Amino acid sequence: LRLALDGLAEEGLLASQRVRPAALEALGFPFRDPALRPALARILAPGRVGDPVDRR
């Protein structure tokens, strides 16, 4: 990545950041998964075919 993106990878993709969706939380946005680990566990579960798009 460093070679392909010439420095942008270090700043944008490879930097460790903790991002909080404060604006969406303040508006009461209903996140399906509150954290990355449960989201990945759900998405990568064995035998998962795919969830239909939730159009609330």
PDB file of N, CA and C in Angstrom:
ATOM      1  N   LEU A   1       0.814  -1.209   0.000  1.00  0.00           N
ATOM      2  CA  LEU A   1       0.000   0.000   0.000  1.00  0.00           C
ATOM      3  C   LEU A   1       0.849   1.261   0.000  1.00  0.00           C
ATOM      4  N   ARG A   2       1.911   1.232   0.756  1.00  0.00           N
ATOM      5  CA  ARG A   2       2.765   2.431   0.824  1.00  0.00           C
ATOM      6  C   ARG A   2       3.292   2.816  -0.554  1.00  0.00           C
ATOM      7  N   LEU A   3       3.700   1.807  -1.331  1.00  0.00           N
ATOM      8  CA  LEU A   3       4.222   2.097  -2.663  1.00  0.00           C
ATOM      9  C   LEU A   3       3.123   2.581  -3.600  1.00  0.00           C
ATOM     10  N   ALA A   4       1.969   1.968  -3.527  1.00  0.00           N
ATOM     11  CA  ALA A   4       0.885   2.310  -4.449  1.00  0.00           C
ATOM     12  C   ALA A   4       0.277   3.674  -4.154  1.00  0.00           C
ATOM     13  N   LEU A   5       0.167   4.027  -2.895  1.00  0.00           N
ATOM     14  CA  LEU A   5      -0.512   5.272  -2.534  1.00  0.00           C
ATOM     15  C   LEU A   5       0.437   6.406  -2.186  1.00  0.00           C
ATOM     16  N   ASP A   6       1.723   6.140  -2.204  1.00  0.00           N
ATOM     17  CA  ASP A   6       2.732   7.177  -2.017  1.00  0.00           C
ATOM     18  C   ASP A   6       2.476   8.076  -0.809  1.00  0.00           C
ATOM     19  N   GLY A   7       2.463   7.491   0.373  1.00  0.00           N
ATOM     20  CA  GLY A   7       2.329   8.298   1.585  1.00  0.00           C
ATOM     21  C   GLY A   7       0.902   8.444   2.084  1.00  0.00           C
ATOM     22  N   LEU A   8      -0.064   8.350   1.209  1.00  0.00           N
ATOM     23  CA  LEU A   8      -1.456   8.458   1.645  1.00  0.00           C
ATOM     24  C   LEU A   8      -1.863   7.264   2.502  1.00  0.00           C
ATOM     25  N   ALA A   9      -1.245   6.118   2.247  1.00  0.00           N
ATOM     26  CA  ALA A   9      -1.568   4.931   3.024  1.00  0.00           C
ATOM     27  C   ALA A   9      -1.208   5.132   4.485  1.00  0.00           C
ATOM     28  N   GLU A  10      -0.070   5.741   4.729  1.00  0.00           N
ATOM     29  CA  GLU A  10       0.372   5.957   6.105  1.00  0.00           C
ATOM     30  C   GLU A  10      -0.587   6.874   6.850  1.00  0.00           C
ATOM     31  N   GLU A  11      -0.999   7.939   6.214  1.00  0.00           N
ATOM     32  CA  GLU A  11      -1.866   8.913   6.868  1.00  0.00           C
ATOM     33  C   GLU A  11      -3.322   8.471   6.897  1.00  0.00           C
ATOM     34  N   GLY A  12      -3.802   7.887   5.819  1.00  0.00           N
ATOM     35  CA  GLY A  12      -5.223   7.615   5.719  1.00  0.00           C
ATOM     36  C   GLY A  12      -5.651   6.202   6.031  1.00  0.00           C
ATOM     37  N   LEU A  13      -4.879   5.228   5.571  1.00  0.00           N
ATOM     38  CA  LEU A  13      -5.324   3.853   5.701  1.00  0.00           C
ATOM     39  C   LEU A  13      -4.637   3.071   6.804  1.00  0.00           C
ATOM     40  N   LEU A  14      -3.384   3.355   7.046  1.00  0.00           N
ATOM     41  CA  LEU A  14      -2.638   2.548   7.998  1.00  0.00           C
ATOM     42  C   LEU A  14      -2.538   3.173   9.383  1.00  0.00           C
ATOM     43  N   ALA A  15      -2.955   4.403   9.533  1.00  0.00           N
ATOM     44  CA  ALA A  15      -2.898   5.054  10.843  1.00  0.00           C
ATOM     45  C   ALA A  15      -3.986   4.474  11.738  1.00  0.00           C
ATOM     46  N   SER A  16      -3.650   4.234  12.974  1.00  0.00           N
ATOM     47  CA  SER A  16      -4.627   3.713  13.922  1.00  0.00           C
ATOM     48  C   SER A  16      -5.458   4.863  14.459  1.00  0.00           C
ATOM     49  N   GLN A  17      -6.756   4.758  14.274  1.00  0.00           N
ATOM     50  CA  GLN A  17      -7.653   5.810  14.741  1.00  0.00           C
ATOM     51  C   GLN A  17      -8.874   5.175  15.375  1.00  0.00           C
ATOM     52  N   ARG A  18      -9.383   5.843  16.374  1.00  0.00           N
ATOM     53  CA  ARG A  18     -10.649   5.422  16.968  1.00  0.00           C
ATOM     54  C   ARG A  18     -11.676   6.453  16.533  1.00  0.00           C
ATOM     55  N   VAL A  19     -12.610   6.036  15.719  1.00  0.00           N
ATOM     56  CA  VAL A  19     -13.606   6.943  15.178  1.00  0.00           C
ATOM     57  C   VAL A  19     -14.941   6.650  15.845  1.00  0.00           C
ATOM     58  N   ARG A  20     -15.567   7.690  16.332  1.00  0.00           N
ATOM     59  CA  ARG A  20     -16.881   7.561  16.962  1.00  0.00           C
ATOM     60  C   ARG A  20     -17.897   8.337  16.130  1.00  0.00           C
ATOM     61  N   PRO A  21     -19.004   7.732  15.805  1.00  0.00           N
ATOM     62  CA  PRO A  21     -20.020   8.422  15.016  1.00  0.00           C
ATOM     63  C   PRO A  21     -20.898   9.309  15.894  1.00  0.00           C
ATOM     64  N   ALA A  22     -20.293  10.295  16.527  1.00  0.00           N
ATOM     65  CA  ALA A  22     -20.992  11.128  17.508  1.00  0.00           C
ATOM     66  C   ALA A  22     -22.209  11.836  16.925  1.00  0.00           C
ATOM     67  N   ALA A  23     -22.085  12.358  15.724  1.00  0.00           N
ATOM     68  CA  ALA A  23     -23.217  13.090  15.133  1.00  0.00           C
ATOM     69  C   ALA A  23     -24.410  12.162  14.913  1.00  0.00           C
ATOM     70  N   LEU A  24     -24.154  10.967  14.402  1.00  0.00           N
ATOM     71  CA  LEU A  24     -25.247  10.022  14.181  1.00  0.00           C
ATOM     72  C   LEU A  24     -25.831   9.519  15.494  1.00  0.00           C
ATOM     73  N   GLU A  25     -24.983   9.270  16.481  1.00  0.00           N
ATOM     74  CA  GLU A  25     -25.473   8.841  17.789  1.00  0.00           C
ATOM     75  C   GLU A  25     -26.342   9.919  18.424  1.00  0.00           C
ATOM     76  N   ALA A  26     -25.943  11.174  18.284  1.00  0.00           N
ATOM     77  CA  ALA A  26     -26.715  12.286  18.853  1.00  0.00           C
ATOM     78  C   ALA A  26     -28.096  12.387  18.209  1.00  0.00           C
ATOM     79  N   LEU A  27     -28.204  11.982  16.948  1.00  0.00           N
ATOM     80  CA  LEU A  27     -29.491  12.014  16.249  1.00  0.00           C
ATOM     81  C   LEU A  27     -30.324  10.756  16.490  1.00  0.00           C
ATOM     82  N   GLY A  28     -29.753   9.805  17.245  1.00  0.00           N
ATOM     83  CA  GLY A  28     -30.482   8.580  17.555  1.00  0.00           C
ATOM     84  C   GLY A  28     -30.454   7.535  16.457  1.00  0.00           C
ATOM     85  N   PHE A  29     -29.442   7.583  15.605  1.00  0.00           N
ATOM     86  CA  PHE A  29     -29.332   6.603  14.525  1.00  0.00           C
ATOM     87  C   PHE A  29     -29.212   5.202  15.111  1.00  0.00           C
ATOM     88  N   PRO A  30     -30.041   4.257  14.656  1.00  0.00           N
ATOM     89  CA  PRO A  30     -29.994   2.889  15.201  1.00  0.00           C
ATOM     90  C   PRO A  30     -28.954   2.020  14.486  1.00  0.00           C
ATOM     91  N   PHE A  31     -27.783   1.892  15.065  1.00  0.00           N
ATOM     92  CA  PHE A  31     -26.747   1.036  14.489  1.00  0.00           C
ATOM     93  C   PHE A  31     -27.114  -0.421  14.731  1.00  0.00           C
ATOM     94  N   ARG A  32     -26.934  -1.251  13.727  1.00  0.00           N
ATOM     95  CA  ARG A  32     -27.219  -2.673  13.878  1.00  0.00           C
ATOM     96  C   ARG A  32     -26.219  -3.308  14.841  1.00  0.00           C
ATOM     97  N   ASP A  33     -24.967  -2.950  14.708  1.00  0.00           N
ATOM     98  CA  ASP A  33     -23.907  -3.491  15.560  1.00  0.00           C
ATOM     99  C   ASP A  33     -23.171  -2.324  16.202  1.00  0.00           C
ATOM    100  N   PRO A  34     -23.133  -2.258  17.527  1.00  0.00           N
ATOM    101  CA  PRO A  34     -22.499  -1.132  18.202  1.00  0.00           C
ATOM    102  C   PRO A  34     -20.973  -1.152  18.177  1.00  0.00           C
ATOM    103  N   ALA A  35     -20.388  -2.284  17.817  1.00  0.00           N
ATOM    104  CA  ALA A  35     -18.930  -2.399  17.816  1.00  0.00           C
ATOM    105  C   ALA A  35     -18.486  -3.265  16.635  1.00  0.00           C
ATOM    106  N   LEU A  36     -17.228  -3.153  16.284  1.00  0.00           N
ATOM    107  CA  LEU A  36     -16.691  -3.860  15.125  1.00  0.00           C
ATOM    108  C   LEU A  36     -16.688  -5.373  15.300  1.00  0.00           C
ATOM    109  N   ARG A  37     -16.277  -5.852  16.458  1.00  0.00           N
ATOM    110  CA  ARG A  37     -16.149  -7.299  16.660  1.00  0.00           C
ATOM    111  C   ARG A  37     -17.473  -8.042  16.444  1.00  0.00           C
ATOM    112  N   PRO A  38     -18.602  -7.603  17.059  1.00  0.00           N
ATOM    113  CA  PRO A  38     -19.862  -8.300  16.785  1.00  0.00           C
ATOM    114  C   PRO A  38     -20.318  -8.159  15.328  1.00  0.00           C
ATOM    115  N   ALA A  39     -20.022  -7.026  14.716  1.00  0.00           N
ATOM    116  CA  ALA A  39     -20.392  -6.833  13.308  1.00  0.00           C
ATOM    117  C   ALA A  39     -19.642  -7.825  12.425  1.00  0.00           C
ATOM    118  N   LEU A  40     -18.351  -7.959  12.641  1.00  0.00           N
ATOM    119  CA  LEU A  40     -17.558  -8.905  11.851  1.00  0.00           C
ATOM    120  C   LEU A  40     -17.985 -10.341  12.114  1.00  0.00           C
ATOM    121  N   ALA A  41     -18.292 -10.665  13.365  1.00  0.00           N
ATOM    122  CA  ALA A  41     -18.739 -12.018  13.691  1.00  0.00           C
ATOM    123  C   ALA A  41     -20.034 -12.340  12.951  1.00  0.00           C
ATOM    124  N   ARG A  42     -20.938 -11.382  12.875  1.00  0.00           N
ATOM    125  CA  ARG A  42     -22.204 -11.590  12.179  1.00  0.00           C
ATOM    126  C   ARG A  42     -21.978 -11.707  10.673  1.00  0.00           C
ATOM    127  N   ILE A  43     -21.173 -10.822  10.122  1.00  0.00           N
ATOM    128  CA  ILE A  43     -20.943 -10.798   8.676  1.00  0.00           C
ATOM    129  C   ILE A  43     -20.171 -12.024   8.202  1.00  0.00           C
ATOM    130  N   LEU A  44     -19.195 -12.456   8.992  1.00  0.00           N
ATOM    131  CA  LEU A  44     -18.325 -13.557   8.584  1.00  0.00           C
ATOM    132  C   LEU A  44     -18.758 -14.909   9.134  1.00  0.00           C
ATOM    133  N   ALA A  45     -19.973 -14.999   9.668  1.00  0.00           N
ATOM    134  CA  ALA A  45     -20.453 -16.247  10.258  1.00  0.00           C
ATOM    135  C   ALA A  45     -20.489 -17.356   9.206  1.00  0.00           C
ATOM    136  N   PRO A  46     -20.063 -18.566   9.596  1.00  0.00           N
ATOM    137  CA  PRO A  46     -20.096 -19.686   8.653  1.00  0.00           C
ATOM    138  C   PRO A  46     -21.527 -19.953   8.185  1.00  0.00           C
ATOM    139  N   GLY A  47     -21.681 -20.212   6.907  1.00  0.00           N
ATOM    140  CA  GLY A  47     -22.989 -20.531   6.365  1.00  0.00           C
ATOM    141  C   GLY A  47     -23.857 -19.326   6.051  1.00  0.00           C
ATOM    142  N   ARG A  48     -23.348 -18.145   6.267  1.00  0.00           N
ATOM    143  CA  ARG A  48     -24.130 -16.932   6.007  1.00  0.00           C
ATOM    144  C   ARG A  48     -24.243 -16.733   4.506  1.00  0.00           C
ATOM    145  N   VAL A  49     -25.453 -16.601   4.021  1.00  0.00           N
ATOM    146  CA  VAL A  49     -25.680 -16.401   2.599  1.00  0.00           C
ATOM    147  C   VAL A  49     -25.739 -14.923   2.284  1.00  0.00           C
ATOM    148  N   GLY A  50     -26.290 -14.144   3.171  1.00  0.00           N
ATOM    149  CA  GLY A  50     -26.424 -12.707   2.947  1.00  0.00           C
ATOM    150  C   GLY A  50     -27.732 -12.217   3.519  1.00  0.00           C
ATOM    151  N   ASP A  51     -27.678 -11.073   4.123  1.00  0.00           N
ATOM    152  CA  ASP A  51     -28.878 -10.480   4.691  1.00  0.00           C
ATOM    153  C   ASP A  51     -29.559  -9.634   3.635  1.00  0.00           C
ATOM    154  N   PRO A  52     -30.896  -9.676   3.611  1.00  0.00           N
ATOM    155  CA  PRO A  52     -31.574  -8.736   2.720  1.00  0.00           C
ATOM    156  C   PRO A  52     -31.331  -7.314   3.203  1.00  0.00           C
ATOM    157  N   VAL A  53     -31.368  -6.391   2.308  1.00  0.00           N
ATOM    158  CA  VAL A  53     -31.143  -4.993   2.667  1.00  0.00           C
ATOM    159  C   VAL A  53     -32.283  -4.535   3.556  1.00  0.00           C
ATOM    160  N   ASP A  54     -31.935  -3.954   4.687  1.00  0.00           N
ATOM    161  CA  ASP A  54     -32.927  -3.463   5.634  1.00  0.00           C
ATOM    162  C   ASP A  54     -33.339  -2.059   5.214  1.00  0.00           C
ATOM    163  N   ARG A  55     -34.538  -1.893   4.742  1.00  0.00           N
ATOM    164  CA  ARG A  55     -35.013  -0.592   4.249  1.00  0.00           C
ATOM    165  C   ARG A  55     -36.006   0.010   5.230  1.00  0.00           C
ATOM    166  N   ARG A  56     -35.528   0.365   6.407  1.00  0.00           N
ATOM    167  CA  ARG A  56     -36.406   0.967   7.423  1.00  0.00           C
ATOM    168  C   ARG A  56     -36.884   2.313   7.023  1.00  0.00           C
TER     169      ARG A  56
END
